[in-house]
Every structure is written in C-alpha cells, then in structure tokens.
C-alpha atoms as a PDB file:
ATOM      1  CA  MET A   1      12.166  14.639 -12.072  1.00  0.00           C
ATOM      2  CA  SER A   2      12.458  11.231 -13.757  1.00  0.00           C
ATOM      3  CA  LYS A   3       9.150   9.745 -15.625  1.00  0.00           C
ATOM      4  CA  PRO A   4       7.464   7.157 -13.379  1.00  0.00           C
ATOM      5  CA  LYS A   5       7.997   3.549 -14.865  1.00  0.00           C
ATOM      6  CA  ILE A   6       4.780   1.594 -15.382  1.00  0.00           C
ATOM      7  CA  PHE A   7       4.510  -2.167 -16.024  1.00  0.00           C
ATOM      8  CA  VAL A   8       1.822  -3.579 -17.905  1.00  0.00           C
ATOM      9  CA  ILE A   9       1.396  -7.202 -16.796  1.00  0.00           C
ATOM     10  CA  TYR A  10      -1.129  -9.777 -17.803  1.00  0.00           C
ATOM     11  CA  TYR A  11      -1.840 -13.574 -18.243  1.00  0.00           C
ATOM     12  CA  SER A  12      -3.829 -14.515 -21.282  1.00  0.00           C
ATOM     13  CA  THR A  13      -4.677 -18.246 -22.582  1.00  0.00           C
ATOM     14  CA  TYR A  14      -6.451 -17.207 -26.122  1.00  0.00           C
ATOM     15  CA  GLY A  15      -4.883 -13.862 -26.596  1.00  0.00           C
ATOM     16  CA  HIS A  16      -7.742 -11.438 -25.762  1.00  0.00           C
ATOM     17  CA  VAL A  17      -5.978 -10.091 -22.637  1.00  0.00           C
ATOM     18  CA  HIS A  18      -2.786  -9.700 -24.629  1.00  0.00           C
ATOM     19  CA  THR A  19      -4.736  -7.713 -27.353  1.00  0.00           C
ATOM     20  CA  LEU A  20      -6.031  -5.469 -24.385  1.00  0.00           C
ATOM     21  CA  ALA A  21      -2.461  -4.837 -22.808  1.00  0.00           C
ATOM     22  CA  GLN A  22      -1.208  -3.564 -26.082  1.00  0.00           C
ATOM     23  CA  SER A  23      -4.085  -0.892 -26.291  1.00  0.00           C
ATOM     24  CA  VAL A  24      -3.192  -0.010 -22.493  1.00  0.00           C
ATOM     25  CA  LEU A  25       0.482   0.234 -23.338  1.00  0.00           C
ATOM     26  CA  LYS A  26      -0.365   2.302 -26.013  1.00  0.00           C
ATOM     27  CA  GLY A  27      -2.245   4.722 -23.790  1.00  0.00           C
ATOM     28  CA  ILE A  28       0.642   4.859 -21.619  1.00  0.00           C
ATOM     29  CA  LEU A  29       3.213   5.805 -24.170  1.00  0.00           C
ATOM     30  CA  ALA A  30       1.137   8.297 -25.905  1.00  0.00           C
ATOM     31  CA  THR A  31       0.971  10.672 -22.715  1.00  0.00           C
ATOM     32  CA  ASN A  32       4.818  10.886 -22.908  1.00  0.00           C
ATOM     33  CA  GLN A  33       4.484  11.210 -19.012  1.00  0.00           C
ATOM     34  CA  ALA A  34       5.991   7.640 -18.088  1.00  0.00           C
ATOM     35  CA  THR A  35       8.119   5.005 -19.671  1.00  0.00           C
ATOM     36  CA  ALA A  36       6.064   1.455 -19.829  1.00  0.00           C
ATOM     37  CA  GLU A  37       7.191  -2.172 -19.966  1.00  0.00           C
ATOM     38  CA  LEU A  38       5.198  -5.192 -20.925  1.00  0.00           C
ATOM     39  CA  TYR A  39       5.109  -8.456 -19.401  1.00  0.00           C
ATOM     40  CA  GLN A  40       3.301 -11.555 -19.016  1.00  0.00           C
ATOM     41  CA  ILE A  41       2.742 -14.083 -16.437  1.00  0.00           C
ATOM     42  CA  ALA A  42       4.130 -17.307 -16.459  1.00  0.00           C
ATOM     43  CA  GLU A  43       2.083 -20.294 -17.586  1.00  0.00           C
ATOM     44  CA  THR A  44       1.011 -23.251 -15.006  1.00  0.00           C
ATOM     45  CA  LEU A  45      -0.699 -25.683 -17.414  1.00  0.00           C
ATOM     46  CA  SER A  46       1.282 -28.284 -18.867  1.00  0.00           C
ATOM     47  CA  PRO A  47       2.238 -28.080 -23.145  1.00  0.00           C
ATOM     48  CA  GLU A  48      -0.151 -31.394 -23.114  1.00  0.00           C
ATOM     49  CA  THR A  49      -3.083 -29.297 -21.356  1.00  0.00           C
ATOM     50  CA  LEU A  50      -2.680 -26.201 -23.540  1.00  0.00           C
ATOM     51  CA  GLU A  51      -2.875 -28.485 -26.637  1.00  0.00           C
ATOM     52  CA  LYS A  52      -5.706 -30.080 -25.516  1.00  0.00           C
ATOM     53  CA  MET A  53      -7.523 -26.642 -25.114  1.00  0.00           C
ATOM     54  CA  HIS A  54      -6.262 -25.449 -28.274  1.00  0.00           C
ATOM     55  CA  ALA A  55      -4.568 -22.682 -26.890  1.00  0.00           C
ATOM     56  CA  PRO A  56      -2.205 -21.024 -29.237  1.00  0.00           C
ATOM     57  CA  ASP A  57       1.727 -20.170 -28.402  1.00  0.00           C
ATOM     58  CA  LYS A  58       2.702 -17.533 -26.115  1.00  0.00           C
ATOM     59  CA  PRO A  59       4.167 -14.443 -27.793  1.00  0.00           C
ATOM     60  CA  ASN A  60       7.739 -13.442 -27.218  1.00  0.00           C
ATOM     61  CA  ILE A  61       7.353 -11.324 -24.125  1.00  0.00           C
ATOM     62  CA  PRO A  62       9.154 -11.558 -21.089  1.00  0.00           C
ATOM     63  CA  GLU A  63       8.008 -13.205 -18.111  1.00  0.00           C
ATOM     64  CA  ILE A  64       7.146 -11.027 -14.800  1.00  0.00           C
ATOM     65  CA  THR A  65       9.128 -12.569 -11.484  1.00  0.00           C
ATOM     66  CA  ALA A  66       7.977 -11.475  -8.085  1.00  0.00           C
ATOM     67  CA  GLU A  67      11.464  -9.619  -7.524  1.00  0.00           C
ATOM     68  CA  LYS A  68      10.775  -7.717 -10.876  1.00  0.00           C
ATOM     69  CA  LEU A  69       7.719  -6.204  -9.377  1.00  0.00           C
ATOM     70  CA  VAL A  70       9.731  -3.942  -7.109  1.00  0.00           C
ATOM     71  CA  GLU A  71      11.025  -1.693  -9.885  1.00  0.00           C
ATOM     72  CA  ALA A  72       7.645  -0.609 -11.019  1.00  0.00           C
ATOM     73  CA  ASP A  73       6.688   2.685  -9.669  1.00  0.00           C
ATOM     74  CA  ALA A  74       2.857   1.800 -11.278  1.00  0.00           C
ATOM     75  CA  ILE A  75       1.335  -1.484 -12.212  1.00  0.00           C
ATOM     76  CA  LEU A  76      -1.605  -2.146 -14.923  1.00  0.00           C
ATOM     77  CA  LEU A  77      -2.514  -5.653 -14.614  1.00  0.00           C
ATOM     78  CA  GLY A  78      -4.863  -7.721 -16.881  1.00  0.00           C
ATOM     79  CA  PHE A  79      -6.328 -11.406 -17.030  1.00  0.00           C
ATOM     80  CA  PRO A  80      -9.235 -13.739 -17.624  1.00  0.00           C
ATOM     81  CA  THR A  81     -11.874 -14.268 -15.070  1.00  0.00           C
ATOM     82  CA  ARG A  82     -12.050 -17.612 -13.497  1.00  0.00           C
ATOM     83  CA  TYR A  83     -15.501 -18.044 -11.718  1.00  0.00           C
ATOM     84  CA  GLY A  84     -15.410 -14.681 -10.866  1.00  0.00           C
ATOM     85  CA  MET A  85     -11.763 -14.596  -9.591  1.00  0.00           C
ATOM     86  CA  ALA A  86      -8.323 -14.327 -10.938  1.00  0.00           C
ATOM     87  CA  PRO A  87      -6.958 -17.287 -12.492  1.00  0.00           C
ATOM     88  CA  ALA A  88      -4.371 -19.510 -10.776  1.00  0.00           C
ATOM     89  CA  GLN A  89      -1.467 -18.451 -12.884  1.00  0.00           C
ATOM     90  CA  VAL A  90      -1.975 -14.808 -11.620  1.00  0.00           C
ATOM     91  CA  LYS A  91      -2.472 -16.067  -7.751  1.00  0.00           C
ATOM     92  CA  ALA A  92       0.798 -18.398  -8.228  1.00  0.00           C
ATOM     93  CA  LEU A  93       2.740 -14.715  -8.834  1.00  0.00           C
ATOM     94  CA  PHE A  94       1.081 -13.155  -5.753  1.00  0.00           C
ATOM     95  CA  ASP A  95       1.554 -16.385  -3.878  1.00  0.00           C
ATOM     96  CA  SER A  96       5.166 -16.082  -4.613  1.00  0.00           C
ATOM     97  CA  THR A  97       5.517 -12.378  -3.191  1.00  0.00           C
ATOM     98  CA  GLY A  98       6.041 -13.141   0.495  1.00  0.00           C
ATOM     99  CA  LYS A  99       9.137 -11.811   0.703  1.00  0.00           C
ATOM    100  CA  LEU A 100       8.024  -8.498  -0.871  1.00  0.00           C
ATOM    101  CA  TRP A 101       4.992  -8.544   1.782  1.00  0.00           C
ATOM    102  CA  ALA A 102       7.315  -9.050   4.576  1.00  0.00           C
ATOM    103  CA  GLU A 103       9.573  -5.919   3.442  1.00  0.00           C
ATOM    104  CA  GLY A 104       6.385  -3.804   2.551  1.00  0.00           C
ATOM    105  CA  ALA A 105       8.169  -3.571  -0.900  1.00  0.00           C
ATOM    106  CA  LEU A 106       5.130  -2.887  -2.833  1.00  0.00           C
ATOM    107  CA  ILE A 107       3.531  -0.241  -0.425  1.00  0.00           C
ATOM    108  CA  GLY A 108       1.923   2.862  -2.088  1.00  0.00           C
ATOM    109  CA  LYS A 109       2.459   1.362  -5.528  1.00  0.00           C
ATOM    110  CA  PRO A 110      -1.023   2.247  -7.808  1.00  0.00           C
ATOM    111  CA  VAL A 111      -2.472  -0.568  -9.719  1.00  0.00           C
ATOM    112  CA  GLY A 112      -5.175  -0.667 -12.076  1.00  0.00           C
ATOM    113  CA  LEU A 113      -6.966  -3.837 -13.441  1.00  0.00           C
ATOM    114  CA  PHE A 114      -8.179  -4.821 -16.689  1.00  0.00           C
ATOM    115  CA  PHE A 115     -10.094  -8.007 -17.813  1.00  0.00           C
ATOM    116  CA  SER A 116     -11.736 -10.609 -20.496  1.00  0.00           C
ATOM    117  CA  THR A 117     -15.050 -12.506 -19.851  1.00  0.00           C
ATOM    118  CA  ALA A 118     -16.897 -15.140 -21.792  1.00  0.00           C
ATOM    119  CA  SER A 119     -19.891 -12.951 -21.498  1.00  0.00           C
ATOM    120  CA  GLN A 120     -20.997  -9.180 -20.378  1.00  0.00           C
ATOM    121  CA  HIS A 121     -22.155 -10.920 -17.139  1.00  0.00           C
ATOM    122  CA  GLY A 122     -19.238 -13.216 -17.085  1.00  0.00           C
ATOM    123  CA  GLY A 123     -17.905 -11.641 -13.709  1.00  0.00           C
ATOM    124  CA  GLN A 124     -15.509  -8.797 -14.529  1.00  0.00           C
ATOM    125  CA  GLU A 125     -16.789  -6.975 -11.532  1.00  0.00           C
ATOM    126  CA  ALA A 126     -16.560  -9.639  -9.147  1.00  0.00           C
ATOM    127  CA  THR A 127     -13.303 -10.609 -10.468  1.00  0.00           C
ATOM    128  CA  ALA A 128     -11.961  -7.006  -9.536  1.00  0.00           C
ATOM    129  CA  PHE A 129     -13.628  -7.177  -6.129  1.00  0.00           C
ATOM    130  CA  THR A 130     -12.400 -10.382  -4.929  1.00  0.00           C
ATOM    131  CA  PHE A 131      -8.549  -9.350  -6.285  1.00  0.00           C
ATOM    132  CA  MET A 132      -8.654  -6.500  -3.553  1.00  0.00           C
ATOM    133  CA  PRO A 133      -7.230  -8.375  -0.746  1.00  0.00           C
ATOM    134  CA  HIS A 134      -4.010  -9.308  -2.827  1.00  0.00           C
ATOM    135  CA  LEU A 135      -3.452  -5.346  -3.402  1.00  0.00           C
ATOM    136  CA  ALA A 136      -4.646  -4.569   0.403  1.00  0.00           C
ATOM    137  CA  HIS A 137      -2.275  -7.182   2.035  1.00  0.00           C
ATOM    138  CA  HIS A 138       0.339  -5.397  -0.171  1.00  0.00           C
ATOM    139  CA  GLY A 139      -0.536  -1.976   0.768  1.00  0.00           C
ATOM    140  CA  MET A 140      -1.043  -1.209  -3.009  1.00  0.00           C
ATOM    141  CA  ILE A 141      -3.374   1.425  -4.112  1.00  0.00           C
ATOM    142  CA  PHE A 142      -6.050   0.730  -6.391  1.00  0.00           C
ATOM    143  CA  VAL A 143      -7.078   2.996  -9.296  1.00  0.00           C
ATOM    144  CA  PRO A 144     -10.247   2.050 -10.969  1.00  0.00           C
ATOM    145  CA  LEU A 145     -11.161   3.600 -14.664  1.00  0.00           C
ATOM    146  CA  GLY A 146     -14.669   4.887 -13.452  1.00  0.00           C
ATOM    147  CA  TYR A 147     -17.076   5.797 -16.239  1.00  0.00           C
ATOM    148  CA  ALA A 148     -14.033   7.862 -17.940  1.00  0.00           C
ATOM    149  CA  ASP A 149     -15.696   7.113 -21.354  1.00  0.00           C
ATOM    150  CA  LYS A 150     -19.464   7.665 -21.981  1.00  0.00           C
ATOM    151  CA  ARG A 151     -19.874   4.629 -24.364  1.00  0.00           C
ATOM    152  CA  MET A 152     -19.543   2.348 -21.214  1.00  0.00           C
ATOM    153  CA  SER A 153     -23.039   3.063 -20.592  1.00  0.00           C
ATOM    154  CA  ASP A 154     -24.170   2.059 -24.120  1.00  0.00           C
ATOM    155  CA  ASN A 155     -26.551  -0.920 -23.538  1.00  0.00           C
ATOM    156  CA  GLY A 156     -27.028  -1.132 -27.155  1.00  0.00           C
ATOM    157  CA  VAL A 157     -23.795  -3.220 -28.094  1.00  0.00           C
ATOM    158  CA  VAL A 158     -21.834  -5.943 -26.586  1.00  0.00           C
ATOM    159  CA  LEU A 159     -18.991  -4.397 -24.374  1.00  0.00           C
ATOM    160  CA  GLY A 160     -16.497  -5.514 -21.928  1.00  0.00           C
ATOM    161  CA  GLY A 161     -15.249  -3.519 -19.227  1.00  0.00           C
ATOM    162  CA  SER A 162     -16.513  -1.727 -16.122  1.00  0.00           C
ATOM    163  CA  PRO A 163     -15.848   1.315 -13.860  1.00  0.00           C
ATOM    164  CA  TRP A 164     -13.391  -1.363 -12.470  1.00  0.00           C
ATOM    165  CA  GLY A 165     -11.427  -1.326 -15.620  1.00  0.00           C
ATOM    166  CA  SER A 166     -11.480  -1.843 -19.204  1.00  0.00           C
ATOM    167  CA  GLY A 167     -12.113  -5.171 -20.592  1.00  0.00           C
ATOM    168  CA  THR A 168     -13.358  -7.504 -23.458  1.00  0.00           C
ATOM    169  CA  VAL A 169     -16.237 -10.148 -24.035  1.00  0.00           C
ATOM    170  CA  ALA A 170     -14.333 -13.170 -25.707  1.00  0.00           C
ATOM    171  CA  GLY A 171     -17.394 -15.463 -26.408  1.00  0.00           C
ATOM    172  CA  PRO A 172     -18.257 -18.588 -25.136  1.00  0.00           C
ATOM    173  CA  THR A 173     -15.973 -20.257 -27.280  1.00  0.00           C
ATOM    174  CA  GLY A 174     -13.377 -17.524 -27.384  1.00  0.00           C
ATOM    175  CA  ASP A 175     -13.854 -16.673 -31.118  1.00  0.00           C
ATOM    176  CA  ARG A 176     -14.621 -13.158 -30.252  1.00  0.00           C
ATOM    177  CA  VAL A 177     -11.831 -10.661 -30.507  1.00  0.00           C
ATOM    178  CA  PRO A 178     -11.786  -7.048 -28.941  1.00  0.00           C
ATOM    179  CA  SER A 179     -13.997  -4.370 -30.534  1.00  0.00           C
ATOM    180  CA  ALA A 180     -12.501  -0.901 -31.478  1.00  0.00           C
ATOM    181  CA  VAL A 181     -14.304   0.278 -28.925  1.00  0.00           C
ATOM    182  CA  GLU A 182     -13.049  -1.937 -26.381  1.00  0.00           C
ATOM    183  CA  LEU A 183      -9.521  -1.131 -27.377  1.00  0.00           C
ATOM    184  CA  GLU A 184     -10.117   2.509 -27.234  1.00  0.00           C
ATOM    185  CA  ILE A 185     -11.383   2.025 -23.879  1.00  0.00           C
ATOM    186  CA  ALA A 186      -8.366   0.404 -22.738  1.00  0.00           C
ATOM    187  CA  GLU A 187      -6.136   2.551 -24.229  1.00  0.00           C
ATOM    188  CA  LEU A 188      -7.929   5.525 -22.378  1.00  0.00           C
ATOM    189  CA  GLN A 189      -7.391   3.278 -19.113  1.00  0.00           C
ATOM    190  CA  GLY A 190      -3.743   3.745 -19.948  1.00  0.00           C
ATOM    191  CA  LYS A 191      -3.857   7.413 -20.513  1.00  0.00           C
ATOM    192  CA  LYS A 192      -5.861   8.253 -17.215  1.00  0.00           C
ATOM    193  CA  PHE A 193      -3.740   5.816 -15.055  1.00  0.00           C
ATOM    194  CA  VAL A 194      -0.562   7.771 -15.854  1.00  0.00           C
ATOM    195  CA  GLU A 195      -2.162  10.974 -14.527  1.00  0.00           C
ATOM    196  CA  VAL A 196      -2.777   8.961 -11.018  1.00  0.00           C
ATOM    197  CA  ALA A 197       0.631   7.292 -11.233  1.00  0.00           C
ATOM    198  CA  VAL A 198       2.561  10.906 -11.886  1.00  0.00           C
ATOM    199  CA  LYS A 199       1.000  11.881  -8.448  1.00  0.00           C
ATOM    200  CA  LEU A 200       1.135   8.618  -6.645  1.00  0.00           C
ATOM    201  CA  ALA A 201       3.930   6.476  -7.611  1.00  0.00           C
ATOM    202  CA  ARG A 202       6.743   6.532  -5.354  1.00  0.00           C
ATOM    203  CA  ARG A 203      10.184   7.500  -6.643  1.00  0.00           C
ATOM    204  CA  ASN A 204      13.357   6.669  -4.846  1.00  0.00           C
ATOM    205  CA  VAL A 205      11.774   6.054  -1.438  1.00  0.00           C
ATOM    206  CA  PRO A 206      13.308   3.365   0.195  1.00  0.00           C
ATOM    207  CA  THR A 207      10.920   1.013   2.080  1.00  0.00           C
ATOM    208  CA  ASP A 208      11.643  -1.224   4.980  1.00  0.00           C
ATOM    209  CA  VAL A 209       8.900  -1.867   7.506  1.00  0.00           C
ATOM    210  CA  THR A 210      10.848  -3.948   9.518  1.00  0.00           C
ATOM    211  CA  THR A 211      14.104  -2.183  10.094  1.00  0.00           C
ATOM    212  CA  GLY A 212      12.573   1.605   9.800  1.00  0.00           C
ATOM    213  CA  GLY A 213       9.611   0.522  12.007  1.00  0.00           C
ATOM    214  CA  ALA A 214      12.221  -0.723  14.410  1.00  0.00           C
ATOM    215  CA  ALA A 215      14.397   2.428  13.956  1.00  0.00           C
ATOM    216  CA  SER A 216      11.825   4.766  14.588  1.00  0.00           C
ATOM    217  CA  ALA A 217      10.530   2.877  17.630  1.00  0.00           C
ATOM    218  CA  GLY A 218      13.850   3.076  19.072  1.00  0.00           C
ATOM    219  CA  ALA A 219      14.555   6.669  18.282  1.00  0.00           C
ATOM    220  CA  GLY A 220      10.908   7.422  19.746  1.00  0.00           C
ATOM    221  CA  ALA A 221      11.665   5.304  22.727  1.00  0.00           C
ATOM    222  CA  GLY A 222      14.876   7.267  22.840  1.00  0.00           C
ATOM    223  CA  ALA A 223      13.579  10.583  22.865  1.00  0.00           C
ATOM    224  CA  VAL A 224      11.113   9.545  25.325  1.00  0.00           C
ATOM    225  CA  GLY A 225      13.590   8.446  27.759  1.00  0.00           C
ATOM    226  CA  ALA A 226      15.796  11.378  27.151  1.00  0.00           C
ATOM    227  CA  THR A 227      12.718  13.450  28.579  1.00  0.00           C
ATOM    228  CA  ALA A 228      12.014  11.783  31.384  1.00  0.00           C
ATOM    229  CA  GLY A 229      15.586  11.371  32.280  1.00  0.00           C
ATOM    230  CA  ALA A 230      15.702  15.284  31.917  1.00  0.00           C
ATOM    231  CA  ALA A 231      12.530  15.768  33.905  1.00  0.00           C
ATOM    232  CA  ASN A 232      13.972  13.295  36.835  1.00  0.00           C
ATOM    233  CA  ALA A 233      17.068  15.394  36.820  1.00  0.00           C
ATOM    234  CA  ALA A 234      14.865  18.571  37.350  1.00  0.00           C
ATOM    235  CA  GLY A 235      12.626  17.102  39.830  1.00  0.00           C
ATOM    236  CA  ALA A 236      15.812  15.813  42.033  1.00  0.00           C
ATOM    237  CA  THR A 237      17.183  19.336  41.638  1.00  0.00           C
ATOM    238  CA  ASN A 238      13.618  20.949  42.892  1.00  0.00           C
ATOM    239  CA  ASP A 239      13.516  18.355  45.929  1.00  0.00           C
ATOM    240  CA  THR A 240      16.846  19.147  47.216  1.00  0.00           C
ATOM    241  CA  THR A 241      16.558  22.964  46.890  1.00  0.00           C
ATOM    242  CA  ASN A 242      13.065  22.949  48.353  1.00  0.00           C
ATOM    243  CA  ALA A 243      13.992  20.618  51.239  1.00  0.00           C
ATOM    244  CA  ALA A 244      16.843  23.003  52.032  1.00  0.00           C
ATOM    245  CA  THR A 245      14.534  25.684  51.993  1.00  0.00           C
ATOM    246  CA  ASP A 246      11.910  23.915  54.219  1.00  0.00           C
ATOM    247  CA  THR A 247      14.626  23.165  56.702  1.00  0.00           C
ATOM    248  CA  ALA A 248      16.067  26.495  57.220  1.00  0.00           C
ATOM    249  CA  GLY A 249      12.404  27.623  57.745  1.00  0.00           C
ATOM    250  CA  ALA A 250      11.894  25.421  60.210  1.00  0.00           C
ATOM    251  CA  ALA A 251      14.801  26.179  62.104  1.00  0.00           C
ATOM    252  CA  ALA A 252      13.614  29.780  61.881  1.00  0.00           C
ATOM    253  CA  GLY A 253      10.179  29.047  63.434  1.00  0.00           C
ATOM    254  CA  ASP A 254       8.602  30.047  60.203  1.00  0.00           C
ATOM    255  CA  LYS A 255       6.153  28.290  57.792  1.00  0.00           C
ATOM    256  CA  PRO A 256       8.022  26.134  55.209  1.00  0.00           C
ATOM    257  CA  ALA A 257       9.240  28.482  52.347  1.00  0.00           C
ATOM    258  CA  GLY A 258       7.667  26.372  49.463  1.00  0.00           C
ATOM    259  CA  ASP A 259       4.112  27.145  48.524  1.00  0.00           C
ATOM    260  CA  ALA A 260       1.123  24.967  48.333  1.00  0.00           C
ATOM    261  CA  SER A 261       2.001  24.005  44.387  1.00  0.00           C
ATOM    262  CA  GLN A 262       5.609  23.494  45.536  1.00  0.00           C
ATOM    263  CA  THR A 263       4.623  21.028  48.331  1.00  0.00           C
ATOM    264  CA  ALA A 264       2.307  19.114  46.200  1.00  0.00           C
ATOM    265  CA  GLU A 265       4.761  18.462  43.657  1.00  0.00           C
ATOM    266  CA  GLN A 266       6.848  16.415  46.325  1.00  0.00           C
ATOM    267  CA  PRO A 267       6.756  12.837  46.825  1.00  0.00           C
ATOM    268  CA  LYS A 268       4.308  11.759  49.615  1.00  0.00           C
ATOM    269  CA  HIS A 269       6.629   9.875  51.791  1.00  0.00           C
ATOM    270  CA  GLY A 270       8.909  13.063  51.661  1.00  0.00           C
ATOM    271  CA  ARG A 271       6.178  15.332  52.868  1.00  0.00           C
ATOM    272  CA  ILE A 272       5.388  13.051  55.707  1.00  0.00           C
ATOM    273  CA  GLY A 273       8.841  12.773  56.596  1.00  0.00           C
ATOM    274  CA  ARG A 274       9.496  16.425  57.144  1.00  0.00           C
ATOM    275  CA  LEU A 275       5.960  16.575  59.050  1.00  0.00           C
ATOM    276  CA  VAL A 276       7.680  14.103  61.411  1.00  0.00           C
ATOM    277  CA  ALA A 277      10.759  15.888  61.768  1.00  0.00           C
ATOM    278  CA  ARG A 278       9.107  19.163  62.361  1.00  0.00           C
ATOM    279  CA  LEU A 279       6.733  17.706  65.487  1.00  0.00           C
ATOM    280  CA  LYS A 280       9.411  15.990  67.055  1.00  0.00           C
ATOM    281  CA  GLY A 281      11.014  19.370  66.950  1.00  0.00           C
ATOM    282  CA  MET A 282       8.356  20.811  68.700  1.00  0.00           C
ATOM    283  CA  PHE A 283       7.954  18.561  71.599  1.00  0.00           C
ATOM    284  CA  VAL A 284      11.650  17.890  72.549  1.00  0.00           C
END
C-alpha cells in the first residue's frame, strides 16, 4: 500500500506561520510513513499595501489551488488569526472550492490546523472553532492535536498552541519568533497527524456524490421494482390457482378449498364477487 500524501498548506504575512509549517513538515517526514508537500496560500493584498505593512517578500514556495486539494490524502493547514477567524486569504481559497463541494471531492480527508496570534489570548482556539464550518460543509475530518505534549500546560512561559493545534505567539509588533518549544510541538503535531492520516486517509477511492448517489438510488429503485414485480407475479399466480380451486369446490357443493389465511390474502372485491356468484347459484 502506498504512503498517504499529506499537504502542508499555510498563509503567512510576516513569516511566523511559515516557520511553523517547516516544523510540521519536518515531523511528517520524520515518520517515514507519509509523503509531504509544502504549499502557500496566494496573497490577496496589493504589493503597495504589503509594503506599507512592512511585510517581507514571500518565499519561493508553490501556491496551492482549489483543484490541487483533491490530490492530497490529508491536509495540515496553518494561518494567523484575524479577530478570531481565518484571514481573508484563507477564506478566498475555500470560497473557490464550490466545484469540489458539489462533487464531494474532499469528503473524508483528515485536516489538522496550526496558528499564529499576537498574544496568548489572541484567539487561537476561537480561530479553530470558527473555521469548522469550512471543514463540515466539505465533509472533512478535523484532527486536533490534543494535549500531546505536557509542556502545553506550562503556564510559566509564553507559549502558543492549544488542543486544537500547535501555534506561536508573534507579539504585538510581530517581532517575537517561534520559540524552540513551539517548534517542537509543531513537529510533534506533524508526527501525530501522520498516525491518524495513515488510518483515515482515503487512497484510490473515487467520490462522486451526484452521479454515485443517483446511480445508487437507481439501483435501489430497480431492486425494489424487481422485488415488487416478482411479488405481483406470484400474487397473480396464486389468485388464479385459488379462484379455480374455489370454483371447483362450489360446484361440488363444498366449502371453498382455500383456508382462512389464503382467503384473507385475496383482494376484497374478489371475495365479494365469489360470494355473490355462490348466492346466485343457491337461489336459482
């Protein structure tokens, strides 16, 4: 069985999430149980705006497209928070996945998240929570980090990340770089994610919700129709046999040969018709 292919996809303005992504990628590759590819999400801000923000140039890493997402067996997605939500660049990517949604192309793919905020209370958990609708509507499976590293509970140091995913704290001016502990936890997330991806990632399983669903429904209807047709044919045969037997019994002056259960199975109008015929015969 081939190794699952994991995409590490990120958006980063000042490079903090890019650094986390490198550690996540390192963790995936260290397991030797999956292949990994690194992509960045396209920028939507103008060069003039980025210059005013003093944002550094983007690294030479390929940009992800909606169509490319289908090739991944699993995805680790990282981005900074914007008021407790994903930034517009990430939303723009998912807003372009309408065709994939219509086809059910991303259903069942495991997804993990990692983040960057300005402070420890800057909304890393809220950002994960508000991103869930994107995954739910695509039928993707969210894989949280949990408290995989006991250092995540250390309140004595500035530390990004949460059970929702690894993270870093960039500081109010963006001058704080990810700490060694934050990078180690990000690497651990990559390793832990592989364990789940190996179990859950779908490989070589085509998904076509529209066609597949219609085909399944058609097959089901055909099966029901065939069963009903067989039942009707059997019922018609039984009606003919029982009618002939009852007629012979009436001619001999006996009770109908069919028992009560057989009679109950006959259509109501058939029983009445036979009763009327017998009464006419008695009073001729």
